[in-house]
Amino acid sequence: MSEVAAEKSLFPSDPEDIKLITLARAALARVATQQGAAVRDSDGRTYAAASVEREHLTLSAVAVAVAMAISSGADGLEAAVVAGGRPTPDDLDILRDMPGSEVAVWSVDGQGNVLEISQL
């Protein structure tokens, strides 16, 4: 398989996963930060966030998106996207804290090119 074919095979076919990529990229661009993220809860609701870096508060985009989901009553996750690189080990631990089976975690660059997909 060529590199181009391999890259295209990583692109999601599910419109809901494409939507998550779009939301994570939009959060990344809106705040011009290091990381954007989006998660979809077990009810299909989506939450998008950017990383926060202040003198007394530093949160990854994944942490903010998951906190938004939890504070909105989410009891599990179906999928997550990290835009601007790959999730850190801490990000993956945060995602694992939420119930869900075979949670897809997409890593994309700022242009939406899929870098990696994994399952939790």
N, C-alpha and C. Protein backbone atom coordinates (compact mmCIF):
# COMPACT_ATOMS: atom_id res chain seq x y z
N MET A 1 0.85 -1.17 0.00
CA MET A 1 0.00 0.00 0.00
C MET A 1 0.90 1.24 0.00
N SER A 2 0.57 2.21 -0.81
CA SER A 2 1.36 3.44 -0.87
C SER A 2 1.13 4.27 0.38
N GLU A 3 2.04 5.23 0.63
CA GLU A 3 1.88 6.11 1.79
C GLU A 3 0.58 6.90 1.70
N VAL A 4 0.25 7.36 0.50
CA VAL A 4 -0.98 8.13 0.32
C VAL A 4 -2.19 7.27 0.64
N ALA A 5 -2.20 6.03 0.16
CA ALA A 5 -3.32 5.14 0.45
C ALA A 5 -3.40 4.84 1.94
N ALA A 6 -2.25 4.65 2.57
CA ALA A 6 -2.24 4.38 4.01
C ALA A 6 -2.80 5.57 4.77
N GLU A 7 -2.41 6.80 4.39
CA GLU A 7 -2.92 7.99 5.06
C GLU A 7 -4.43 8.12 4.86
N LYS A 8 -4.92 7.89 3.66
CA LYS A 8 -6.34 8.02 3.40
C LYS A 8 -7.14 6.98 4.18
N SER A 9 -6.55 5.79 4.40
CA SER A 9 -7.26 4.76 5.13
C SER A 9 -7.44 5.14 6.60
N LEU A 10 -6.63 6.06 7.10
CA LEU A 10 -6.77 6.51 8.47
C LEU A 10 -7.88 7.54 8.63
N PHE A 11 -8.31 8.16 7.54
CA PHE A 11 -9.33 9.19 7.65
C PHE A 11 -10.67 8.54 7.99
N PRO A 12 -11.40 9.09 8.95
CA PRO A 12 -12.65 8.46 9.37
C PRO A 12 -13.72 8.51 8.28
N SER A 13 -14.54 7.48 8.26
CA SER A 13 -15.66 7.46 7.33
C SER A 13 -16.96 7.88 8.02
N ASP A 14 -16.99 7.80 9.33
CA ASP A 14 -18.18 8.17 10.11
C ASP A 14 -18.29 9.70 10.17
N PRO A 15 -19.41 10.27 9.73
CA PRO A 15 -19.58 11.73 9.78
C PRO A 15 -19.44 12.30 11.19
N GLU A 16 -19.78 11.53 12.21
CA GLU A 16 -19.66 12.02 13.58
C GLU A 16 -18.18 12.14 13.99
N ASP A 17 -17.33 11.26 13.49
CA ASP A 17 -15.89 11.38 13.76
C ASP A 17 -15.30 12.56 12.99
N ILE A 18 -15.76 12.76 11.77
CA ILE A 18 -15.31 13.92 10.98
C ILE A 18 -15.71 15.21 11.69
N LYS A 19 -16.91 15.24 12.25
CA LYS A 19 -17.37 16.40 13.01
C LYS A 19 -16.46 16.67 14.20
N LEU A 20 -16.05 15.62 14.92
CA LEU A 20 -15.14 15.80 16.05
C LEU A 20 -13.81 16.40 15.62
N ILE A 21 -13.29 15.93 14.49
CA ILE A 21 -12.04 16.49 13.97
C ILE A 21 -12.21 17.97 13.67
N THR A 22 -13.31 18.31 13.03
CA THR A 22 -13.59 19.72 12.71
C THR A 22 -13.68 20.56 13.97
N LEU A 23 -14.37 20.07 14.99
CA LEU A 23 -14.51 20.82 16.24
C LEU A 23 -13.17 21.00 16.96
N ALA A 24 -12.36 19.95 16.98
CA ALA A 24 -11.04 20.06 17.64
C ALA A 24 -10.15 21.04 16.90
N ARG A 25 -10.17 20.99 15.57
CA ARG A 25 -9.36 21.93 14.78
C ARG A 25 -9.85 23.36 14.99
N ALA A 26 -11.16 23.56 15.06
CA ALA A 26 -11.71 24.90 15.27
C ALA A 26 -11.30 25.45 16.63
N ALA A 27 -11.31 24.60 17.66
CA ALA A 27 -10.88 25.04 19.00
C ALA A 27 -9.41 25.43 18.97
N LEU A 28 -8.60 24.65 18.28
CA LEU A 28 -7.17 24.94 18.16
C LEU A 28 -6.95 26.27 17.47
N ALA A 29 -7.65 26.51 16.39
CA ALA A 29 -7.47 27.74 15.61
C ALA A 29 -8.06 28.97 16.32
N ARG A 30 -9.18 28.79 16.98
CA ARG A 30 -9.88 29.91 17.62
C ARG A 30 -9.02 30.58 18.68
N VAL A 31 -8.30 29.79 19.44
CA VAL A 31 -7.53 30.33 20.56
C VAL A 31 -6.04 30.42 20.22
N ALA A 32 -5.65 29.85 19.09
CA ALA A 32 -4.24 29.83 18.66
C ALA A 32 -3.36 29.30 19.79
N THR A 33 -3.67 28.10 20.23
CA THR A 33 -2.96 27.47 21.33
C THR A 33 -2.24 26.22 20.86
N GLN A 34 -1.70 25.45 21.78
CA GLN A 34 -0.92 24.26 21.44
C GLN A 34 -1.79 23.06 21.07
N GLN A 35 -3.00 23.00 21.62
CA GLN A 35 -3.80 21.80 21.46
C GLN A 35 -5.28 22.14 21.46
N GLY A 36 -6.02 21.48 20.60
CA GLY A 36 -7.47 21.53 20.60
C GLY A 36 -7.96 20.11 20.79
N ALA A 37 -9.13 19.95 21.35
CA ALA A 37 -9.68 18.61 21.54
C ALA A 37 -11.18 18.65 21.45
N ALA A 38 -11.75 17.52 21.12
CA ALA A 38 -13.20 17.36 21.13
C ALA A 38 -13.49 15.93 21.58
N VAL A 39 -14.56 15.78 22.34
CA VAL A 39 -15.00 14.46 22.78
C VAL A 39 -16.48 14.32 22.49
N ARG A 40 -16.89 13.06 22.27
CA ARG A 40 -18.31 12.75 22.09
C ARG A 40 -18.70 11.82 23.23
N ASP A 41 -19.75 12.19 23.95
CA ASP A 41 -20.17 11.37 25.08
C ASP A 41 -21.06 10.22 24.60
N SER A 42 -21.43 9.37 25.53
CA SER A 42 -22.21 8.18 25.18
C SER A 42 -23.63 8.51 24.73
N ASP A 43 -24.07 9.75 24.91
CA ASP A 43 -25.37 10.19 24.40
C ASP A 43 -25.25 10.89 23.06
N GLY A 44 -24.02 11.00 22.53
CA GLY A 44 -23.81 11.63 21.23
C GLY A 44 -23.55 13.13 21.29
N ARG A 45 -23.53 13.71 22.49
CA ARG A 45 -23.24 15.14 22.63
C ARG A 45 -21.74 15.37 22.48
N THR A 46 -21.38 16.52 21.91
CA THR A 46 -19.97 16.83 21.68
C THR A 46 -19.54 18.04 22.49
N TYR A 47 -18.25 18.03 22.85
CA TYR A 47 -17.65 19.11 23.62
C TYR A 47 -16.29 19.40 23.01
N ALA A 48 -16.01 20.65 22.75
CA ALA A 48 -14.72 21.04 22.16
C ALA A 48 -14.05 22.06 23.06
N ALA A 49 -12.73 21.99 23.13
CA ALA A 49 -11.98 22.89 24.01
C ALA A 49 -10.57 23.08 23.49
N ALA A 50 -9.95 24.13 23.97
CA ALA A 50 -8.53 24.40 23.69
C ALA A 50 -7.76 24.28 25.00
N SER A 51 -6.47 24.06 24.88
CA SER A 51 -5.64 24.00 26.09
C SER A 51 -5.60 25.39 26.74
N VAL A 52 -5.38 25.38 28.04
CA VAL A 52 -5.34 26.62 28.83
C VAL A 52 -3.95 26.72 29.45
N GLU A 53 -3.31 27.84 29.19
CA GLU A 53 -1.98 28.06 29.77
C GLU A 53 -1.93 29.47 30.36
N ARG A 54 -2.08 29.53 31.67
CA ARG A 54 -2.01 30.77 32.41
C ARG A 54 -1.02 30.61 33.54
N GLU A 55 -0.73 31.69 34.21
CA GLU A 55 0.25 31.63 35.29
C GLU A 55 -0.12 30.61 36.36
N HIS A 56 -1.40 30.57 36.74
CA HIS A 56 -1.83 29.69 37.82
C HIS A 56 -2.77 28.58 37.37
N LEU A 57 -2.89 28.39 36.08
CA LEU A 57 -3.80 27.35 35.58
C LEU A 57 -3.28 26.81 34.25
N THR A 58 -2.98 25.54 34.23
CA THR A 58 -2.54 24.89 33.00
C THR A 58 -3.35 23.60 32.85
N LEU A 59 -4.10 23.53 31.75
CA LEU A 59 -4.92 22.35 31.47
C LEU A 59 -4.78 21.97 30.00
N SER A 60 -4.70 20.70 29.74
CA SER A 60 -4.70 20.26 28.34
C SER A 60 -6.10 20.43 27.77
N ALA A 61 -6.19 20.47 26.47
CA ALA A 61 -7.50 20.57 25.82
C ALA A 61 -8.35 19.35 26.14
N VAL A 62 -7.73 18.19 26.24
CA VAL A 62 -8.47 16.97 26.61
C VAL A 62 -9.07 17.13 28.00
N ALA A 63 -8.29 17.64 28.94
CA ALA A 63 -8.79 17.82 30.31
C ALA A 63 -9.98 18.77 30.33
N VAL A 64 -9.91 19.85 29.57
CA VAL A 64 -11.01 20.82 29.54
C VAL A 64 -12.25 20.19 28.89
N ALA A 65 -12.07 19.50 27.76
CA ALA A 65 -13.21 18.90 27.06
C ALA A 65 -13.88 17.83 27.92
N VAL A 66 -13.08 17.00 28.58
CA VAL A 66 -13.66 15.97 29.45
C VAL A 66 -14.35 16.60 30.65
N ALA A 67 -13.76 17.64 31.22
CA ALA A 67 -14.40 18.33 32.35
C ALA A 67 -15.74 18.93 31.92
N MET A 68 -15.78 19.48 30.71
CA MET A 68 -17.05 20.02 30.20
C MET A 68 -18.09 18.91 30.07
N ALA A 69 -17.67 17.77 29.57
CA ALA A 69 -18.59 16.64 29.42
C ALA A 69 -19.11 16.17 30.78
N ILE A 70 -18.20 16.02 31.73
CA ILE A 70 -18.60 15.58 33.07
C ILE A 70 -19.55 16.58 33.71
N SER A 71 -19.22 17.87 33.60
CA SER A 71 -20.07 18.89 34.23
C SER A 71 -21.42 19.03 33.54
N SER A 72 -21.55 18.47 32.35
CA SER A 72 -22.83 18.47 31.64
C SER A 72 -23.61 17.18 31.86
N GLY A 73 -23.05 16.29 32.69
CA GLY A 73 -23.77 15.07 33.04
C GLY A 73 -23.39 13.84 32.23
N ALA A 74 -22.36 13.91 31.43
CA ALA A 74 -21.94 12.75 30.65
C ALA A 74 -21.47 11.64 31.57
N ASP A 75 -21.87 10.41 31.24
CA ASP A 75 -21.42 9.29 32.06
C ASP A 75 -20.50 8.33 31.30
N GLY A 76 -20.11 8.70 30.09
CA GLY A 76 -19.19 7.88 29.32
C GLY A 76 -18.81 8.56 28.02
N LEU A 77 -17.79 8.04 27.37
CA LEU A 77 -17.31 8.60 26.10
C LEU A 77 -17.38 7.56 24.99
N GLU A 78 -17.56 8.06 23.76
CA GLU A 78 -17.51 7.20 22.57
C GLU A 78 -16.23 7.45 21.78
N ALA A 79 -15.79 8.72 21.71
CA ALA A 79 -14.64 9.06 20.88
C ALA A 79 -14.03 10.37 21.34
N ALA A 80 -12.77 10.56 20.95
CA ALA A 80 -12.05 11.80 21.26
C ALA A 80 -11.11 12.12 20.11
N VAL A 81 -10.87 13.42 19.92
CA VAL A 81 -9.90 13.89 18.93
C VAL A 81 -8.98 14.89 19.60
N VAL A 82 -7.69 14.75 19.32
CA VAL A 82 -6.70 15.72 19.76
C VAL A 82 -6.11 16.35 18.51
N ALA A 83 -6.25 17.66 18.38
CA ALA A 83 -5.70 18.39 17.23
C ALA A 83 -4.45 19.12 17.67
N GLY A 84 -3.44 19.08 16.83
CA GLY A 84 -2.18 19.75 17.15
C GLY A 84 -1.13 18.80 17.69
N GLY A 85 -1.34 17.53 17.51
CA GLY A 85 -0.38 16.54 17.98
C GLY A 85 -1.06 15.34 18.58
N ARG A 86 -0.29 14.57 19.29
CA ARG A 86 -0.80 13.35 19.91
C ARG A 86 -1.14 13.60 21.38
N PRO A 87 -2.07 12.83 21.93
CA PRO A 87 -2.39 12.99 23.35
C PRO A 87 -1.21 12.56 24.22
N THR A 88 -1.05 13.24 25.33
CA THR A 88 -0.01 12.87 26.28
C THR A 88 -0.49 11.67 27.09
N PRO A 89 0.42 11.03 27.82
CA PRO A 89 -0.01 9.95 28.72
C PRO A 89 -1.07 10.44 29.73
N ASP A 90 -0.93 11.67 30.22
CA ASP A 90 -1.94 12.22 31.14
C ASP A 90 -3.29 12.36 30.44
N ASP A 91 -3.28 12.81 29.19
CA ASP A 91 -4.54 12.92 28.42
C ASP A 91 -5.21 11.55 28.31
N LEU A 92 -4.42 10.53 28.01
CA LEU A 92 -4.98 9.18 27.87
C LEU A 92 -5.55 8.69 29.19
N ASP A 93 -4.88 9.01 30.32
CA ASP A 93 -5.41 8.64 31.63
C ASP A 93 -6.74 9.34 31.90
N ILE A 94 -6.83 10.61 31.53
CA ILE A 94 -8.08 11.36 31.71
C ILE A 94 -9.20 10.70 30.90
N LEU A 95 -8.91 10.33 29.67
CA LEU A 95 -9.91 9.67 28.83
C LEU A 95 -10.31 8.31 29.41
N ARG A 96 -9.35 7.59 29.96
CA ARG A 96 -9.64 6.27 30.54
C ARG A 96 -10.49 6.39 31.80
N ASP A 97 -10.45 7.54 32.47
CA ASP A 97 -11.26 7.75 33.67
C ASP A 97 -12.76 7.74 33.36
N MET A 98 -13.10 8.02 32.12
CA MET A 98 -14.51 8.02 31.71
C MET A 98 -14.88 6.64 31.19
N PRO A 99 -16.00 6.11 31.63
CA PRO A 99 -16.42 4.81 31.10
C PRO A 99 -16.65 4.88 29.59
N GLY A 100 -16.50 3.76 28.96
CA GLY A 100 -16.73 3.65 27.53
C GLY A 100 -15.97 2.45 27.01
N SER A 101 -16.54 1.78 26.03
CA SER A 101 -15.84 0.63 25.48
C SER A 101 -15.33 0.97 24.09
N GLU A 102 -14.09 0.60 23.85
CA GLU A 102 -13.45 0.84 22.56
C GLU A 102 -13.56 2.29 22.13
N VAL A 103 -13.20 3.19 23.03
CA VAL A 103 -13.22 4.63 22.74
C VAL A 103 -12.14 4.92 21.70
N ALA A 104 -12.54 5.44 20.56
CA ALA A 104 -11.60 5.81 19.50
C ALA A 104 -10.96 7.14 19.86
N VAL A 105 -9.63 7.20 19.75
CA VAL A 105 -8.89 8.44 20.01
C VAL A 105 -8.13 8.78 18.73
N TRP A 106 -8.56 9.86 18.09
CA TRP A 106 -7.94 10.34 16.86
C TRP A 106 -6.92 11.42 17.19
N SER A 107 -5.75 11.34 16.59
CA SER A 107 -4.74 12.40 16.69
C SER A 107 -4.60 13.01 15.31
N VAL A 108 -4.77 14.34 15.22
CA VAL A 108 -4.67 15.02 13.93
C VAL A 108 -3.76 16.24 14.07
N ASP A 109 -3.20 16.66 12.94
CA ASP A 109 -2.43 17.90 12.96
C ASP A 109 -3.40 19.07 12.79
N GLY A 110 -2.88 20.27 12.74
CA GLY A 110 -3.71 21.47 12.63
C GLY A 110 -4.52 21.56 11.36
N GLN A 111 -4.13 20.82 10.34
CA GLN A 111 -4.87 20.82 9.07
C GLN A 111 -5.89 19.69 9.01
N GLY A 112 -5.93 18.85 10.04
CA GLY A 112 -6.89 17.76 10.07
C GLY A 112 -6.36 16.45 9.51
N ASN A 113 -5.08 16.41 9.18
CA ASN A 113 -4.47 15.17 8.69
C ASN A 113 -4.31 14.21 9.87
N VAL A 114 -4.82 13.02 9.70
CA VAL A 114 -4.77 12.03 10.77
C VAL A 114 -3.34 11.55 10.97
N LEU A 115 -2.87 11.66 12.20
CA LEU A 115 -1.54 11.19 12.57
C LEU A 115 -1.60 9.77 13.11
N GLU A 116 -2.70 9.48 13.82
CA GLU A 116 -2.80 8.20 14.49
C GLU A 116 -4.23 8.02 15.00
N ILE A 117 -4.65 6.78 15.08
CA ILE A 117 -5.89 6.44 15.76
C ILE A 117 -5.62 5.28 16.69
N SER A 118 -6.19 5.36 17.87
CA SER A 118 -6.02 4.26 18.82
C SER A 118 -7.36 4.00 19.51
N GLN A 119 -7.44 2.88 20.18
CA GLN A 119 -8.65 2.51 20.93
C GLN A 119 -8.27 2.39 22.39
N LEU A 120 -9.12 2.89 23.25
CA LEU A 120 -8.90 2.74 24.69
C LEU A 120 -9.74 1.59 25.20
